[in-house]
Amino acid sequence: MDYSQNTIFVTGVAKPSKDDPIASSYQVFFLSLIVDKETDTIVDATCNSAREMTSKFIRVLLVGHNLVKETDDMVQEIRHRFLGLAQKALIVALKDAHNRYMMAEKYNKPET
């Protein structure tokens, strides 16, 4: 998949619970997002999940949403639709990615 020049890559991280199969393979849960800088829309997403199905479902939950304005909506959708062991880690990683994106955008915008 090709990404336009308007996109950036941002990652959020969280510590998975000990019960999560991810914890046996990785020390952290990461969520990687490709975001259109002009619209703040998530155009692609992936994570280090134990199963490909998990990554695909998480992608469905996030792609198309505005990372700046719809983070709370995405969190609510995750709480209602993603009942996997990584739910808390996913929410924390999404919020971390949001914070990293906001900081990057703050420092990358030209001053007026």
Protein backbone atom coordinates (compact mmCIF):
# COMPACT_ATOMS: atom_id res chain seq x y z
CA MET A 1 0.00 0.00 0.00
CA ASP A 2 1.31 3.43 -0.93
CA TYR A 3 0.78 6.36 1.39
CA SER A 4 0.54 9.97 0.26
CA GLN A 5 3.00 12.68 1.27
CA ASN A 6 0.32 13.98 3.65
CA THR A 7 0.59 10.95 5.90
CA ILE A 8 2.70 10.31 8.97
CA PHE A 9 3.46 7.20 11.00
CA VAL A 10 2.80 7.29 14.75
CA THR A 11 3.05 4.53 17.34
CA GLY A 12 1.47 4.18 20.77
CA VAL A 13 2.67 1.67 23.33
CA ALA A 14 1.28 0.01 26.43
CA LYS A 15 2.24 -2.78 28.77
CA PRO A 16 0.07 -5.88 28.17
CA SER A 17 -1.43 -7.81 31.07
CA LYS A 18 0.40 -10.98 32.09
CA ASP A 19 -2.64 -13.01 30.96
CA ASP A 20 -2.38 -11.71 27.41
CA PRO A 21 -0.55 -14.01 24.97
CA ILE A 22 1.23 -10.90 23.66
CA ALA A 23 3.11 -10.65 26.97
CA SER A 24 4.84 -13.98 26.36
CA SER A 25 6.18 -12.81 22.99
CA TYR A 26 6.60 -9.07 23.51
CA GLN A 27 7.24 -6.83 26.49
CA VAL A 28 4.97 -4.12 25.07
CA PHE A 29 1.81 -3.86 23.04
CA PHE A 30 2.20 -1.40 20.20
CA LEU A 31 -0.33 0.21 17.95
CA SER A 32 0.98 1.79 14.75
CA LEU A 33 -1.13 4.27 12.82
CA ILE A 34 -0.80 6.01 9.47
CA VAL A 35 -2.54 9.37 9.78
CA ASP A 36 -3.40 11.96 7.13
CA LYS A 37 -1.94 15.20 8.54
CA GLU A 38 -4.44 17.42 6.71
CA THR A 39 -7.56 15.68 7.99
CA ASP A 40 -6.18 13.89 11.09
CA THR A 41 -7.86 10.75 9.75
CA ILE A 42 -6.40 7.30 10.43
CA VAL A 43 -5.83 5.69 7.03
CA ASP A 44 -4.20 2.46 8.22
CA ALA A 45 -3.47 0.67 11.48
CA THR A 46 -1.66 -2.39 12.76
CA CYS A 47 -0.56 -3.85 16.07
CA ASN A 48 1.54 -6.69 17.46
CA SER A 49 -1.24 -9.11 18.27
CA ALA A 50 -1.06 -12.85 18.78
CA ARG A 51 -3.47 -13.49 15.90
CA GLU A 52 -3.88 -11.83 12.51
CA MET A 53 -7.65 -11.69 13.07
CA THR A 54 -7.07 -9.43 16.08
CA SER A 55 -5.03 -6.96 14.04
CA LYS A 56 -7.63 -6.95 11.28
CA PHE A 57 -10.46 -6.27 13.72
CA ILE A 58 -8.55 -3.47 15.44
CA ARG A 59 -7.91 -1.95 12.02
CA VAL A 60 -11.67 -2.00 11.30
CA LEU A 61 -12.32 -0.22 14.60
CA LEU A 62 -9.84 2.59 13.95
CA VAL A 63 -9.44 3.31 10.23
CA GLY A 64 -11.52 6.22 9.03
CA HIS A 65 -11.69 7.91 12.43
CA ASN A 66 -10.23 11.32 13.25
CA LEU A 67 -7.35 10.85 15.71
CA VAL A 68 -7.76 14.35 17.13
CA LYS A 69 -11.54 14.64 17.47
CA GLU A 70 -12.75 11.04 17.77
CA THR A 71 -10.37 9.41 20.26
CA ASP A 72 -13.06 9.17 22.95
CA ASP A 73 -15.48 7.66 20.42
CA MET A 74 -12.88 5.07 19.41
CA VAL A 75 -12.25 4.20 23.07
CA GLN A 76 -15.98 3.64 23.61
CA GLU A 77 -16.19 1.46 20.51
CA ILE A 78 -13.20 -0.58 21.71
CA ARG A 79 -14.88 -1.05 25.11
CA HIS A 80 -18.09 -2.26 23.47
CA ARG A 81 -16.76 -4.29 20.56
CA PHE A 82 -13.24 -5.50 21.44
CA LEU A 83 -13.53 -7.90 24.35
CA GLY A 84 -10.06 -9.41 23.95
CA LEU A 85 -7.46 -9.61 26.71
CA ALA A 86 -5.59 -6.71 25.12
CA GLN A 87 -8.52 -4.27 25.46
CA LYS A 88 -6.89 -2.12 28.16
CA ALA A 89 -3.53 -2.19 26.40
CA LEU A 90 -5.20 -1.17 23.13
CA ILE A 91 -6.92 1.79 24.79
CA VAL A 92 -3.70 2.92 26.47
CA ALA A 93 -1.75 2.54 23.21
CA LEU A 94 -4.40 4.52 21.30
CA LYS A 95 -4.24 7.34 23.84
CA ASP A 96 -0.43 7.26 23.70
CA ALA A 97 -0.52 7.47 19.88
CA HIS A 98 -2.99 10.37 20.17
CA ASN A 99 -0.65 12.21 22.57
CA ARG A 100 2.39 11.62 20.37
CA TYR A 101 0.48 12.83 17.32
CA MET A 102 -0.70 15.97 19.12
CA MET A 103 2.84 16.78 20.25
CA ALA A 104 4.26 16.20 16.76
CA GLU A 105 1.60 18.33 15.13
CA LYS A 106 2.12 21.10 17.70
CA TYR A 107 5.83 21.28 16.95
CA ASN A 108 5.53 20.74 13.20
CA LYS A 109 3.05 23.50 12.52
CA PRO A 110 4.60 26.79 11.35
CA GLU A 111 4.15 29.66 13.77
CA THR A 112 1.98 32.52 12.57
